[in-house]
Amino acid sequence: MSELKSQFDAAVNYVQTVEGNSFKPSNDFKLAMYSLFKQSTEGDVKGKRPGLTNFVGRAKYDAWAKLKGTRTEKAMQDYINKIETIKKSS
């Protein structure tokens, strides 16, 4: 798992430090990345679902909740795979 964790950390670092990338992700892609990150780092979603007027919070919660039960290793690998796809298309 340490190799996977290293690759995951590198992918997270890439997302946080990339500048001038021509890739313009859709909101759905951003939500997918958010939910994979949260599932990888915190596990299953916790707490109450945000109210109807909190559109962003509700969308994030729902995206993360869809991954309930997903193993940490799978979420990390899926996150890495998505970042690798972006790197190749840049």
Protein backbone atom coordinates (compact mmCIF):
# COMPACT_ATOMS: atom_id res chain seq x y z
CA MET A 1 0.00 0.00 0.00
CA SER A 2 2.92 2.39 0.56
CA GLU A 3 3.63 2.52 -3.20
CA LEU A 4 -0.04 3.27 -3.88
CA LYS A 5 -0.03 5.97 -1.18
CA SER A 6 3.07 7.54 -2.73
CA GLN A 7 1.44 7.58 -6.16
CA PHE A 8 -1.75 9.02 -4.66
CA ASP A 9 0.19 11.76 -2.86
CA ALA A 10 2.00 12.60 -6.11
CA ALA A 11 -1.32 12.86 -7.96
CA VAL A 12 -2.76 15.13 -5.24
CA ASN A 13 0.38 17.25 -5.40
CA TYR A 14 0.03 17.50 -9.18
CA VAL A 15 -3.53 18.78 -8.86
CA GLN A 16 -2.52 21.32 -6.23
CA THR A 17 0.51 22.65 -8.11
CA VAL A 18 -0.35 22.45 -11.82
CA GLU A 19 -0.41 25.84 -13.51
CA GLY A 20 -1.42 26.84 -17.00
CA ASN A 21 -2.98 23.50 -17.74
CA SER A 22 -5.23 23.65 -20.80
CA PHE A 23 -7.57 21.06 -19.26
CA LYS A 24 -10.83 22.67 -18.15
CA PRO A 25 -12.67 20.10 -16.04
CA SER A 26 -16.45 19.95 -15.94
CA ASN A 27 -18.31 20.24 -12.66
CA ASP A 28 -19.05 16.51 -12.84
CA PHE A 29 -15.35 15.76 -13.18
CA LYS A 30 -14.53 18.04 -10.24
CA LEU A 31 -17.16 16.30 -8.11
CA ALA A 32 -15.77 12.89 -9.08
CA MET A 33 -12.26 13.96 -8.09
CA TYR A 34 -13.52 15.48 -4.83
CA SER A 35 -15.44 12.34 -3.91
CA LEU A 36 -12.50 10.05 -4.73
CA PHE A 37 -10.18 12.23 -2.66
CA LYS A 38 -12.55 12.23 0.32
CA GLN A 39 -13.17 8.48 0.07
CA SER A 40 -9.41 7.91 -0.11
CA THR A 41 -8.56 10.10 2.85
CA GLU A 42 -11.60 9.84 5.14
CA GLY A 43 -13.59 6.77 4.13
CA ASP A 44 -17.37 6.74 3.90
CA VAL A 45 -19.27 10.01 4.08
CA LYS A 46 -20.35 11.10 7.55
CA GLY A 47 -22.79 13.62 8.92
CA LYS A 48 -26.04 15.00 7.65
CA ARG A 49 -26.76 15.81 4.05
CA PRO A 50 -26.72 19.60 3.55
CA GLY A 51 -30.02 21.38 3.08
CA LEU A 52 -31.70 22.22 -0.22
CA THR A 53 -30.31 25.75 -0.35
CA ASN A 54 -26.69 24.58 0.00
CA PHE A 55 -26.31 23.48 -3.61
CA VAL A 56 -22.53 23.02 -3.60
CA GLY A 57 -22.41 21.23 -0.26
CA ARG A 58 -25.26 18.97 -1.28
CA ALA A 59 -23.62 18.08 -4.61
CA LYS A 60 -20.34 17.27 -2.87
CA TYR A 61 -22.08 15.19 -0.21
CA ASP A 62 -24.09 13.25 -2.83
CA ALA A 63 -21.01 12.57 -4.99
CA TRP A 64 -19.10 11.28 -1.97
CA ALA A 65 -22.08 9.24 -0.72
CA LYS A 66 -22.17 7.37 -4.05
CA LEU A 67 -18.78 5.87 -3.15
CA LYS A 68 -19.96 4.48 0.18
CA GLY A 69 -18.31 1.13 0.76
CA THR A 70 -15.53 1.71 -1.76
CA ARG A 71 -12.18 0.50 -0.42
CA THR A 72 -9.52 3.14 0.20
CA GLU A 73 -7.13 1.43 -2.21
CA LYS A 74 -9.68 1.42 -5.04
CA ALA A 75 -10.56 5.09 -4.50
CA MET A 76 -6.86 6.01 -4.52
CA GLN A 77 -6.22 4.04 -7.70
CA ASP A 78 -9.24 5.58 -9.43
CA TYR A 79 -8.00 9.06 -8.45
CA ILE A 80 -4.52 8.29 -9.79
CA ASN A 81 -5.97 6.91 -13.05
CA LYS A 82 -8.02 10.06 -13.64
CA ILE A 83 -4.98 12.28 -13.06
CA GLU A 84 -2.86 10.15 -15.39
CA THR A 85 -5.51 10.57 -18.09
CA ILE A 86 -5.33 14.36 -17.65
CA LYS A 87 -1.54 14.35 -17.82
CA LYS A 88 -1.60 12.40 -21.09
CA SER A 89 -4.11 14.75 -22.69
CA SER A 90 -2.18 17.90 -21.72
